[in-house]
Amino acid sequence: MQKLHLVMGGRVKNPQGLEFVDLKAIDVVGVFPDYASAEEAWRGAAQRTVDDAEMRYVIVHMHKLLEPDLPAA
């Protein structure tokens, strides 16, 4: 089964949280077929903004949102 992951990021209101300042300015890095490739993309995006505490990138487990009743592997 394909387990899709979304990597996205943007400026957050509080560096400790995940509330984005401007949803129209979200940087969608891409959708990836597995966690390993999503993590690699996430690391690259996060590394580019490492000096900006208000920029945050995350990995969203889309497969858990699309099919929440499937058992974990």
Protein backbone atom coordinates (compact mmCIF):
# COMPACT_ATOMS: atom_id res chain seq x y z
CA MET A 1 0.00 0.00 0.00
CA GLN A 2 1.24 3.45 -0.89
CA LYS A 3 1.63 5.69 2.16
CA LEU A 4 1.50 9.28 0.97
CA HIS A 5 3.26 12.05 2.91
CA LEU A 6 2.98 15.80 2.37
CA VAL A 7 5.89 18.11 3.20
CA MET A 8 4.94 21.74 3.75
CA GLY A 9 6.00 24.74 5.73
CA GLY A 10 5.77 28.43 6.33
CA ARG A 11 6.02 31.21 8.84
CA VAL A 12 4.38 30.42 12.19
CA LYS A 13 2.99 32.84 14.79
CA ASN A 14 4.85 31.12 17.62
CA PRO A 15 8.00 29.00 17.07
CA GLN A 16 6.63 26.51 19.61
CA GLY A 17 3.39 25.99 17.67
CA LEU A 18 1.98 25.15 14.27
CA GLU A 19 -0.35 28.07 13.60
CA PHE A 20 0.76 29.52 10.29
CA VAL A 21 0.75 33.30 9.76
CA ASP A 22 -0.42 33.28 6.13
CA LEU A 23 -1.98 30.16 4.64
CA LYS A 24 -1.65 31.64 1.15
CA ALA A 25 2.13 31.71 1.61
CA ILE A 26 2.49 28.04 2.61
CA ASP A 27 5.40 26.39 0.85
CA VAL A 28 4.23 23.00 -0.42
CA VAL A 29 7.44 21.07 -0.97
CA GLY A 30 5.61 18.05 -2.39
CA VAL A 31 3.82 14.76 -1.89
CA PHE A 32 5.99 11.68 -1.41
CA PRO A 33 5.27 7.94 -1.63
CA ASP A 34 7.02 7.00 1.61
CA TYR A 35 8.29 8.48 4.86
CA ALA A 36 11.97 8.19 3.94
CA SER A 37 11.68 10.37 0.84
CA ALA A 38 9.41 12.83 2.68
CA GLU A 39 11.92 13.11 5.50
CA GLU A 40 14.73 13.80 3.03
CA ALA A 41 12.69 16.61 1.44
CA TRP A 42 11.72 17.94 4.88
CA ARG A 43 15.37 18.05 5.99
CA GLY A 44 16.35 19.97 2.86
CA ALA A 45 13.56 22.53 3.28
CA ALA A 46 14.14 22.94 7.02
CA GLN A 47 17.89 23.30 6.54
CA ARG A 48 17.39 26.20 4.10
CA THR A 49 15.53 28.15 6.80
CA VAL A 50 17.48 27.00 9.87
CA ASP A 51 18.37 30.58 10.86
CA ASP A 52 14.74 31.75 10.87
CA ALA A 53 13.01 30.56 14.06
CA GLU A 54 9.59 31.54 12.70
CA MET A 55 9.82 29.21 9.69
CA ARG A 56 8.60 25.67 10.26
CA TYR A 57 8.34 22.63 7.99
CA VAL A 58 6.31 19.53 8.78
CA ILE A 59 5.57 16.09 7.39
CA VAL A 60 1.85 15.30 7.17
CA HIS A 61 0.94 11.60 7.09
CA MET A 62 -1.73 11.87 4.39
CA HIS A 63 -2.37 8.13 4.39
CA LYS A 64 -3.60 8.42 8.00
CA LEU A 65 -6.00 11.19 7.00
CA LEU A 66 -7.25 9.43 3.87
CA GLU A 67 -7.72 6.00 5.48
CA PRO A 68 -7.83 6.45 9.27
CA ASP A 69 -9.33 3.00 9.93
CA LEU A 70 -6.42 1.05 8.46
CA PRO A 71 -4.26 -0.67 11.08
CA ALA A 72 -0.68 0.55 11.56
CA ALA A 73 1.96 -1.54 9.83
